[in-house]
C-alpha atoms as a PDB file:
ATOM      1  CA  MET A   1     131.663 134.275 109.621  1.00  0.00           C
ATOM      2  CA  THR A   2     131.206 131.065 107.259  1.00  0.00           C
ATOM      3  CA  ARG A   3     127.968 129.162 108.040  1.00  0.00           C
ATOM      4  CA  PRO A   4     128.001 125.742 108.853  1.00  0.00           C
ATOM      5  CA  ARG A   5     126.796 123.168 106.449  1.00  0.00           C
ATOM      6  CA  LEU A   6     123.736 121.822 108.147  1.00  0.00           C
ATOM      7  CA  ILE A   7     122.079 118.303 107.555  1.00  0.00           C
ATOM      8  CA  ILE A   8     118.155 118.065 109.024  1.00  0.00           C
ATOM      9  CA  PHE A   9     117.148 114.719 110.385  1.00  0.00           C
ATOM     10  CA  THR A  10     113.620 114.661 111.439  1.00  0.00           C
ATOM     11  CA  ASP A  11     110.928 112.336 113.066  1.00  0.00           C
ATOM     12  CA  LEU A  12     107.557 112.525 111.631  1.00  0.00           C
ATOM     13  CA  ASP A  13     104.683 111.345 113.670  1.00  0.00           C
ATOM     14  CA  GLY A  14     104.039 114.012 116.385  1.00  0.00           C
ATOM     15  CA  THR A  15     106.993 115.947 115.222  1.00  0.00           C
ATOM     16  CA  LEU A  16     107.238 116.909 111.584  1.00  0.00           C
ATOM     17  CA  LEU A  17     103.249 115.587 111.128  1.00  0.00           C
ATOM     18  CA  ASP A  18     100.670 116.346 113.442  1.00  0.00           C
ATOM     19  CA  HIS A  19      99.802 113.548 115.958  1.00  0.00           C
ATOM     20  CA  ASP A  20      96.283 113.967 114.866  1.00  0.00           C
ATOM     21  CA  THR A  21      95.876 114.960 111.317  1.00  0.00           C
ATOM     22  CA  TYR A  22      99.097 113.638 109.658  1.00  0.00           C
ATOM     23  CA  ASP A  23      99.613 116.950 108.220  1.00  0.00           C
ATOM     24  CA  TRP A  24     102.867 118.795 107.526  1.00  0.00           C
ATOM     25  CA  THR A  25     101.873 121.963 105.912  1.00  0.00           C
ATOM     26  CA  PRO A  26     102.525 124.212 108.951  1.00  0.00           C
ATOM     27  CA  ALA A  27     106.131 123.522 108.553  1.00  0.00           C
ATOM     28  CA  ARG A  28     106.222 124.797 105.053  1.00  0.00           C
ATOM     29  CA  PRO A  29     107.910 127.698 105.482  1.00  0.00           C
ATOM     30  CA  ALA A  30     110.924 126.328 107.236  1.00  0.00           C
ATOM     31  CA  LEU A  31     110.587 123.364 104.827  1.00  0.00           C
ATOM     32  CA  GLU A  32     110.735 126.171 101.683  1.00  0.00           C
ATOM     33  CA  LYS A  33     113.559 127.931 103.684  1.00  0.00           C
ATOM     34  CA  LEU A  34     115.798 124.696 103.903  1.00  0.00           C
ATOM     35  CA  ARG A  35     115.095 124.260 100.361  1.00  0.00           C
ATOM     36  CA  GLN A  36     116.387 127.433  99.206  1.00  0.00           C
ATOM     37  CA  SER A  37     119.289 127.133 101.279  1.00  0.00           C
ATOM     38  CA  GLN A  38     120.025 123.889  99.929  1.00  0.00           C
ATOM     39  CA  VAL A  39     120.111 121.915 103.410  1.00  0.00           C
ATOM     40  CA  PRO A  40     119.018 118.672 102.792  1.00  0.00           C
ATOM     41  CA  VAL A  41     116.025 117.042 104.951  1.00  0.00           C
ATOM     42  CA  VAL A  42     116.256 113.493 105.971  1.00  0.00           C
ATOM     43  CA  LEU A  43     113.092 111.765 107.014  1.00  0.00           C
ATOM     44  CA  ASN A  44     114.002 109.303 110.009  1.00  0.00           C
ATOM     45  CA  SER A  45     110.946 107.444 110.911  1.00  0.00           C
ATOM     46  CA  SER A  46     109.171 104.289 112.186  1.00  0.00           C
ATOM     47  CA  LYS A  47     107.557 104.511 108.950  1.00  0.00           C
ATOM     48  CA  THR A  48     108.182 102.075 106.075  1.00  0.00           C
ATOM     49  CA  ALA A  49     110.068 102.789 102.684  1.00  0.00           C
ATOM     50  CA  ALA A  50     106.459 102.540 101.124  1.00  0.00           C
ATOM     51  CA  GLU A  51     104.871 104.819 103.221  1.00  0.00           C
ATOM     52  CA  LEU A  52     108.281 107.582 103.022  1.00  0.00           C
ATOM     53  CA  ASN A  53     108.021 107.432  99.056  1.00  0.00           C
ATOM     54  CA  ALA A  54     104.645 108.574  99.435  1.00  0.00           C
ATOM     55  CA  LEU A  55     105.328 111.221 101.757  1.00  0.00           C
ATOM     56  CA  ARG A  56     108.349 112.352  99.899  1.00  0.00           C
ATOM     57  CA  SER A  57     106.425 112.619  96.473  1.00  0.00           C
ATOM     58  CA  GLU A  58     104.090 114.910  98.634  1.00  0.00           C
ATOM     59  CA  MET A  59     106.329 117.041 100.170  1.00  0.00           C
ATOM     60  CA  GLY A  60     108.536 117.320  97.110  1.00  0.00           C
ATOM     61  CA  ASN A  61     111.701 115.731  99.084  1.00  0.00           C
ATOM     62  CA  THR A  62     114.138 114.255  97.355  1.00  0.00           C
ATOM     63  CA  ASP A  63     117.081 113.349 100.016  1.00  0.00           C
ATOM     64  CA  PRO A  64     118.333 109.717 101.619  1.00  0.00           C
ATOM     65  CA  TYR A  65     115.735 108.678 104.186  1.00  0.00           C
ATOM     66  CA  ILE A  66     116.043 106.282 107.059  1.00  0.00           C
ATOM     67  CA  VAL A  67     112.914 103.972 107.935  1.00  0.00           C
ATOM     68  CA  GLU A  68     111.428 101.706 110.786  1.00  0.00           C
ATOM     69  CA  ASN A  69     113.374 103.353 113.490  1.00  0.00           C
ATOM     70  CA  GLY A  70     116.934 102.951 111.677  1.00  0.00           C
ATOM     71  CA  ALA A  71     116.620  99.559 110.406  1.00  0.00           C
ATOM     72  CA  ALA A  72     118.026 100.891 106.718  1.00  0.00           C
ATOM     73  CA  ALA A  73     119.057 103.938 105.164  1.00  0.00           C
ATOM     74  CA  VAL A  74     117.679 104.617 101.693  1.00  0.00           C
ATOM     75  CA  ILE A  75     119.844 107.171  99.327  1.00  0.00           C
ATOM     76  CA  PRO A  76     118.397 107.918  96.170  1.00  0.00           C
ATOM     77  CA  ALA A  77     120.071 106.647  92.730  1.00  0.00           C
ATOM     78  CA  GLY A  78     123.004 108.833  92.255  1.00  0.00           C
ATOM     79  CA  TYR A  79     122.329 111.240  95.118  1.00  0.00           C
ATOM     80  CA  PHE A  80     125.798 111.548  96.195  1.00  0.00           C
ATOM     81  CA  ALA A  81     126.947 111.504  92.631  1.00  0.00           C
ATOM     82  CA  HIS A  82     125.086 114.535  91.252  1.00  0.00           C
ATOM     83  CA  LYS A  83     123.649 116.092  93.834  1.00  0.00           C
ATOM     84  CA  GLY A  84     123.000 119.716  92.616  1.00  0.00           C
ATOM     85  CA  GLY A  85     122.237 118.665  89.139  1.00  0.00           C
ATOM     86  CA  ASP A  86     119.179 118.225  87.270  1.00  0.00           C
ATOM     87  CA  GLY A  87     117.818 115.651  89.487  1.00  0.00           C
ATOM     88  CA  VAL A  88     117.675 112.987  86.821  1.00  0.00           C
ATOM     89  CA  ASP A  89     119.770 110.063  87.906  1.00  0.00           C
ATOM     90  CA  GLU A  90     119.714 106.418  86.601  1.00  0.00           C
ATOM     91  CA  GLY A  91     120.083 103.334  88.420  1.00  0.00           C
ATOM     92  CA  GLU A  92     118.495 101.955  91.600  1.00  0.00           C
ATOM     93  CA  ASP A  93     118.214 103.432  95.351  1.00  0.00           C
ATOM     94  CA  GLU A  94     121.099 102.211  97.636  1.00  0.00           C
ATOM     95  CA  THR A  95     119.151 100.563 100.603  1.00  0.00           C
ATOM     96  CA  VAL A  96     122.004  99.898 103.573  1.00  0.00           C
ATOM     97  CA  SER A  97     120.497  97.664 105.938  1.00  0.00           C
ATOM     98  CA  PHE A  98     121.351  97.546 109.998  1.00  0.00           C
ATOM     99  CA  ALA A  99     118.881  94.927 110.693  1.00  0.00           C
ATOM    100  CA  ALA A 100     117.645  91.283 110.618  1.00  0.00           C
ATOM    101  CA  PRO A 101     114.835  90.538 108.424  1.00  0.00           C
ATOM    102  CA  ARG A 102     111.038  90.856 110.111  1.00  0.00           C
ATOM    103  CA  SER A 103     110.459  87.346 109.794  1.00  0.00           C
ATOM    104  CA  GLU A 104     113.004  86.616 112.660  1.00  0.00           C
ATOM    105  CA  ILE A 105     110.872  88.805 114.794  1.00  0.00           C
ATOM    106  CA  LEU A 106     107.509  87.417 113.759  1.00  0.00           C
ATOM    107  CA  ALA A 107     108.851  84.043 114.583  1.00  0.00           C
ATOM    108  CA  VAL A 108     109.710  85.277 118.585  1.00  0.00           C
ATOM    109  CA  LEU A 109     106.410  86.973 118.877  1.00  0.00           C
ATOM    110  CA  ALA A 110     104.623  83.674 117.586  1.00  0.00           C
ATOM    111  CA  GLU A 111     106.483  82.020 120.546  1.00  0.00           C
ATOM    112  CA  LEU A 112     105.793  84.303 122.863  1.00  0.00           C
ATOM    113  CA  ARG A 113     102.104  84.775 122.385  1.00  0.00           C
ATOM    114  CA  ALA A 114     102.188  80.977 122.881  1.00  0.00           C
ATOM    115  CA  GLN A 115     103.452  81.647 126.029  1.00  0.00           C
ATOM    116  CA  GLY A 116     100.532  84.034 127.147  1.00  0.00           C
ATOM    117  CA  TYR A 117     101.461  87.406 126.145  1.00  0.00           C
ATOM    118  CA  VAL A 118      98.636  89.436 124.784  1.00  0.00           C
ATOM    119  CA  PHE A 119      99.384  91.835 122.050  1.00  0.00           C
ATOM    120  CA  ASP A 120      98.382  92.673 118.673  1.00  0.00           C
ATOM    121  CA  GLY A 121     100.781  93.388 115.773  1.00  0.00           C
ATOM    122  CA  PHE A 122     100.819  94.981 112.112  1.00  0.00           C
ATOM    123  CA  GLU A 123     101.085  91.232 110.859  1.00  0.00           C
ATOM    124  CA  ASP A 124      97.641  90.471 112.982  1.00  0.00           C
ATOM    125  CA  MET A 125      95.661  93.360 111.568  1.00  0.00           C
ATOM    126  CA  THR A 126      94.205  93.824 108.461  1.00  0.00           C
ATOM    127  CA  ALA A 127      94.571  97.080 106.355  1.00  0.00           C
ATOM    128  CA  GLU A 128      91.318  98.122 107.347  1.00  0.00           C
ATOM    129  CA  GLN A 129      91.804  97.300 111.161  1.00  0.00           C
ATOM    130  CA  LEU A 130      94.776  99.250 111.417  1.00  0.00           C
ATOM    131  CA  ALA A 131      93.338 102.409 109.367  1.00  0.00           C
ATOM    132  CA  GLU A 132      90.971 102.392 111.885  1.00  0.00           C
ATOM    133  CA  TYR A 133      93.036 102.154 114.868  1.00  0.00           C
ATOM    134  CA  ALA A 134      95.733 104.767 113.639  1.00  0.00           C
ATOM    135  CA  ASP A 135      93.166 107.002 111.995  1.00  0.00           C
ATOM    136  CA  LEU A 136      94.729 106.075 108.520  1.00  0.00           C
ATOM    137  CA  THR A 137      93.205 105.723 105.297  1.00  0.00           C
ATOM    138  CA  PRO A 138      93.140 102.096 104.176  1.00  0.00           C
ATOM    139  CA  SER A 139      95.752 102.618 101.343  1.00  0.00           C
ATOM    140  CA  VAL A 140      98.312 104.270 103.801  1.00  0.00           C
ATOM    141  CA  ALA A 141      97.420 101.652 106.370  1.00  0.00           C
ATOM    142  CA  ALA A 142      98.644  98.717 103.731  1.00  0.00           C
ATOM    143  CA  LEU A 143     101.721 100.922 102.949  1.00  0.00           C
ATOM    144  CA  ALA A 144     102.339 100.642 106.995  1.00  0.00           C
ATOM    145  CA  LYS A 145     102.242  96.740 106.727  1.00  0.00           C
ATOM    146  CA  GLN A 146     104.950  96.593 104.090  1.00  0.00           C
ATOM    147  CA  ARG A 147     107.651  96.386 106.948  1.00  0.00           C
ATOM    148  CA  LEU A 148     111.456  95.300 106.411  1.00  0.00           C
ATOM    149  CA  ALA A 149     112.862  94.578 109.790  1.00  0.00           C
ATOM    150  CA  THR A 150     110.463  95.768 112.655  1.00  0.00           C
ATOM    151  CA  GLU A 151     106.877  94.873 114.225  1.00  0.00           C
ATOM    152  CA  PRO A 152     104.713  97.632 115.590  1.00  0.00           C
ATOM    153  CA  LEU A 153     102.047  96.266 118.296  1.00  0.00           C
ATOM    154  CA  VAL A 154      99.550  97.325 120.535  1.00  0.00           C
ATOM    155  CA  TRP A 155      99.785  95.928 124.070  1.00  0.00           C
ATOM    156  CA  ARG A 156      96.936  94.252 125.037  1.00  0.00           C
ATOM    157  CA  GLY A 157      98.085  93.216 128.643  1.00  0.00           C
ATOM    158  CA  ASN A 158      99.156  94.703 131.899  1.00  0.00           C
ATOM    159  CA  GLY A 159     102.164  96.616 132.972  1.00  0.00           C
ATOM    160  CA  ILE A 160     103.769  93.684 134.903  1.00  0.00           C
ATOM    161  CA  ASP A 161     103.277  91.323 132.144  1.00  0.00           C
ATOM    162  CA  MET A 162     105.023  93.882 129.608  1.00  0.00           C
ATOM    163  CA  SER A 163     108.250  94.035 132.082  1.00  0.00           C
ATOM    164  CA  GLY A 164     108.290  90.177 131.442  1.00  0.00           C
ATOM    165  CA  PHE A 165     107.621  90.646 127.736  1.00  0.00           C
ATOM    166  CA  ARG A 166     110.477  93.157 127.269  1.00  0.00           C
ATOM    167  CA  GLN A 167     112.999  90.839 129.348  1.00  0.00           C
ATOM    168  CA  ALA A 168     112.019  87.847 126.785  1.00  0.00           C
ATOM    169  CA  LEU A 169     112.418  89.889 123.995  1.00  0.00           C
ATOM    170  CA  GLU A 170     116.079  91.052 125.337  1.00  0.00           C
ATOM    171  CA  GLU A 171     116.861  87.458 126.033  1.00  0.00           C
ATOM    172  CA  ARG A 172     116.520  86.882 122.414  1.00  0.00           C
ATOM    173  CA  GLY A 173     118.465  90.038 121.282  1.00  0.00           C
ATOM    174  CA  LEU A 174     115.029  92.239 120.568  1.00  0.00           C
ATOM    175  CA  ARG A 175     113.975  95.487 121.969  1.00  0.00           C
ATOM    176  CA  LEU A 176     110.680  96.884 122.818  1.00  0.00           C
ATOM    177  CA  VAL A 177     110.663 100.708 122.030  1.00  0.00           C
ATOM    178  CA  LYS A 178     107.757 102.927 122.829  1.00  0.00           C
ATOM    179  CA  GLY A 179     106.774 105.072 119.778  1.00  0.00           C
ATOM    180  CA  GLY A 180     104.306 108.089 119.186  1.00  0.00           C
ATOM    181  CA  ARG A 181     101.375 105.241 118.887  1.00  0.00           C
ATOM    182  CA  PHE A 182     102.677 102.104 118.814  1.00  0.00           C
ATOM    183  CA  GLN A 183     105.463  99.726 120.684  1.00  0.00           C
ATOM    184  CA  HIS A 184     108.183  98.779 118.342  1.00  0.00           C
ATOM    185  CA  VAL A 185     109.818  95.623 118.550  1.00  0.00           C
ATOM    186  CA  MET A 186     113.079  95.928 116.881  1.00  0.00           C
ATOM    187  CA  GLY A 187     116.585  94.855 116.781  1.00  0.00           C
ATOM    188  CA  PRO A 188     119.623  96.427 118.885  1.00  0.00           C
ATOM    189  CA  TYR A 189     119.990  99.493 116.472  1.00  0.00           C
ATOM    190  CA  ASP A 190     118.472 102.800 116.514  1.00  0.00           C
ATOM    191  CA  LYS A 191     117.521 106.126 114.645  1.00  0.00           C
ATOM    192  CA  ALA A 192     121.223 107.214 116.006  1.00  0.00           C
ATOM    193  CA  GLN A 193     123.052 104.729 114.187  1.00  0.00           C
ATOM    194  CA  ALA A 194     121.736 105.485 110.837  1.00  0.00           C
ATOM    195  CA  MET A 195     121.612 109.046 111.405  1.00  0.00           C
ATOM    196  CA  ARG A 196     125.552 108.499 112.048  1.00  0.00           C
ATOM    197  CA  TYR A 197     126.229 106.431 108.909  1.00  0.00           C
ATOM    198  CA  LEU A 198     124.378 108.994 106.863  1.00  0.00           C
ATOM    199  CA  THR A 199     126.350 112.311 108.160  1.00  0.00           C
ATOM    200  CA  ARG A 200     129.584 110.633 107.391  1.00  0.00           C
ATOM    201  CA  ARG A 201     128.295 109.940 103.661  1.00  0.00           C
ATOM    202  CA  TYR A 202     127.473 113.331 103.232  1.00  0.00           C
ATOM    203  CA  GLN A 203     130.922 114.684 105.203  1.00  0.00           C
ATOM    204  CA  GLU A 204     132.647 112.764 102.386  1.00  0.00           C
ATOM    205  CA  PHE A 205     130.611 114.094  99.765  1.00  0.00           C
ATOM    206  CA  TYR A 206     130.939 117.753 100.989  1.00  0.00           C
ATOM    207  CA  GLY A 207     134.748 117.236 101.896  1.00  0.00           C
ATOM    208  CA  GLU A 208     134.044 119.013 104.975  1.00  0.00           C
ATOM    209  CA  PRO A 209     132.683 118.680 108.194  1.00  0.00           C
ATOM    210  CA  VAL A 210     128.413 119.136 108.806  1.00  0.00           C
ATOM    211  CA  THR A 211     126.626 119.979 111.287  1.00  0.00           C
ATOM    212  CA  SER A 212     123.556 117.699 112.425  1.00  0.00           C
ATOM    213  CA  VAL A 213     120.291 118.692 113.790  1.00  0.00           C
ATOM    214  CA  ALA A 214     117.747 116.106 114.785  1.00  0.00           C
ATOM    215  CA  LEU A 215     114.319 116.876 115.666  1.00  0.00           C
ATOM    216  CA  GLY A 216     111.851 114.261 117.585  1.00  0.00           C
ATOM    217  CA  ASP A 217     108.980 114.148 120.355  1.00  0.00           C
ATOM    218  CA  SER A 218     109.045 110.685 122.006  1.00  0.00           C
ATOM    219  CA  PRO A 219     111.287 107.775 123.798  1.00  0.00           C
ATOM    220  CA  ASN A 220     112.535 106.167 120.422  1.00  0.00           C
ATOM    221  CA  ASP A 221     114.173 109.762 119.369  1.00  0.00           C
ATOM    222  CA  ARG A 222     116.226 109.863 122.282  1.00  0.00           C
ATOM    223  CA  GLN A 223     119.298 108.474 120.838  1.00  0.00           C
ATOM    224  CA  MET A 224     119.061 110.353 117.627  1.00  0.00           C
ATOM    225  CA  LEU A 225     118.356 113.534 119.652  1.00  0.00           C
ATOM    226  CA  GLU A 226     121.404 112.985 121.885  1.00  0.00           C
ATOM    227  CA  ALA A 227     123.696 112.114 119.038  1.00  0.00           C
ATOM    228  CA  ALA A 228     123.123 115.048 117.019  1.00  0.00           C
ATOM    229  CA  ASP A 229     125.292 118.239 117.134  1.00  0.00           C
ATOM    230  CA  ILE A 230     121.758 120.170 117.663  1.00  0.00           C
ATOM    231  CA  GLY A 231     118.652 118.195 119.266  1.00  0.00           C
ATOM    232  CA  VAL A 232     115.576 119.774 119.047  1.00  0.00           C
ATOM    233  CA  VAL A 233     112.405 118.268 121.170  1.00  0.00           C
ATOM    234  CA  ILE A 234     109.295 118.842 119.872  1.00  0.00           C
ATOM    235  CA  ARG A 235     106.191 119.111 122.480  1.00  0.00           C
ATOM    236  CA  ALA A 236     104.324 116.168 122.543  1.00  0.00           C
ATOM    237  CA  ALA A 237     100.771 115.273 122.196  1.00  0.00           C
ATOM    238  CA  ALA A 238     101.049 113.075 125.350  1.00  0.00           C
ATOM    239  CA  PRO A 239     101.456 114.637 128.710  1.00  0.00           C
ATOM    240  CA  GLU A 240     104.701 113.546 129.573  1.00  0.00           C
ATOM    241  CA  ARG A 241     107.782 115.591 127.916  1.00  0.00           C
ATOM    242  CA  LEU A 242     110.748 113.975 126.717  1.00  0.00           C
ATOM    243  CA  MET A 243     113.627 115.308 128.420  1.00  0.00           C
ATOM    244  CA  LEU A 244     117.628 114.854 127.504  1.00  0.00           C
ATOM    245  CA  SER A 245     120.318 115.079 129.962  1.00  0.00           C
ATOM    246  CA  ASP A 246     122.523 117.592 127.865  1.00  0.00           C
ATOM    247  CA  GLN A 247     121.174 120.828 127.559  1.00  0.00           C
ATOM    248  CA  ASP A 248     124.050 122.765 126.207  1.00  0.00           C
ATOM    249  CA  ASN A 249     123.268 121.670 122.411  1.00  0.00           C
ATOM    250  CA  VAL A 250     119.125 120.850 123.253  1.00  0.00           C
ATOM    251  CA  MET A 251     116.012 123.125 122.104  1.00  0.00           C
ATOM    252  CA  TYR A 252     112.855 122.211 123.415  1.00  0.00           C
ATOM    253  CA  SER A 253     109.358 123.935 121.428  1.00  0.00           C
ATOM    254  CA  ASP A 254     107.023 125.803 122.753  1.00  0.00           C
ATOM    255  CA  ARG A 255     104.334 124.719 120.265  1.00  0.00           C
ATOM    256  CA  LYS A 256     103.468 120.967 119.283  1.00  0.00           C
ATOM    257  CA  GLY A 257     103.957 119.042 115.888  1.00  0.00           C
ATOM    258  CA  PRO A 258     104.849 120.838 112.809  1.00  0.00           C
ATOM    259  CA  GLN A 259     104.053 124.468 114.178  1.00  0.00           C
ATOM    260  CA  GLY A 260     107.011 123.539 116.860  1.00  0.00           C
ATOM    261  CA  TRP A 261     109.162 122.231 113.989  1.00  0.00           C
ATOM    262  CA  ASN A 262     108.654 125.243 111.762  1.00  0.00           C
ATOM    263  CA  GLU A 263     109.499 127.770 114.840  1.00  0.00           C
ATOM    264  CA  CYS A 264     112.549 125.781 116.004  1.00  0.00           C
ATOM    265  CA  VAL A 265     113.856 125.168 112.474  1.00  0.00           C
ATOM    266  CA  LEU A 266     113.518 128.754 111.299  1.00  0.00           C
ATOM    267  CA  THR A 267     115.390 129.754 114.562  1.00  0.00           C
ATOM    268  CA  ILE A 268     118.128 127.757 114.126  1.00  0.00           C
ATOM    269  CA  LEU A 269     118.596 128.796 110.353  1.00  0.00           C
ATOM    270  CA  ALA A 270     118.686 132.646 111.065  1.00  0.00           C
ATOM    271  CA  GLY A 271     121.200 131.966 114.271  1.00  0.00           C
ATOM    272  CA  LYS A 272     123.672 129.923 111.891  1.00  0.00           C
ATOM    273  CA  GLY A 273     123.271 132.672 109.501  1.00  0.00           C
ATOM    274  CA  TYR A 274     120.929 131.112 106.722  1.00  0.00           C
END
């Protein structure tokens, strides 16, 4: 039986990265097996391009990546033209944007704050304050503040006010999406849109169908997981578990974070003949 050509799309915080320590190394065996099998691993995260570049360098990842909950897809220079070569490519990375600039979101948030809604966005925090809140180093927090088209925030109001805040955002063409740690204010796009785009690019490059595998743990991963050929829900650090409607192509991990990621990916690879 010919094994399918797989593409892995993965969330980071609470999924490939441990929720508390941000450690990815428990998933090293699966990542190494993917590398040996030439299966791309596309990071699809709320993190910024600056954050992902630092992490990709640490992990040795050279594949395309998706930033800020689907705001843009970044394709390394010459990736599809020279994939499988010596990795030495010339030119600039290709950034495909699906979102309006962050400045438009900040203008709306300033308007809503003036109406009495209480929150702290990344723009309101220094790198040191964000580092303390999210248990990051100041240097990593500074990378997290370099955003293109989204604004994560900490909600300081009550639940009733949040409902009004969400409605006010929707009236202005924006959404409020819950992530692992923050509420994310963003436009009418999601991780799934960028995943579909890159899936088409891979199919065009390979000249054959590909099977998309998506892994995530939180509500902002739902669309990506449901749109993938195989969705993998990683057990979250939070008590409530994300549940998907279609059970036929969905896997649920027993373990949290990178431990669960590692086990599920190795199981999929074995089941698909890798």
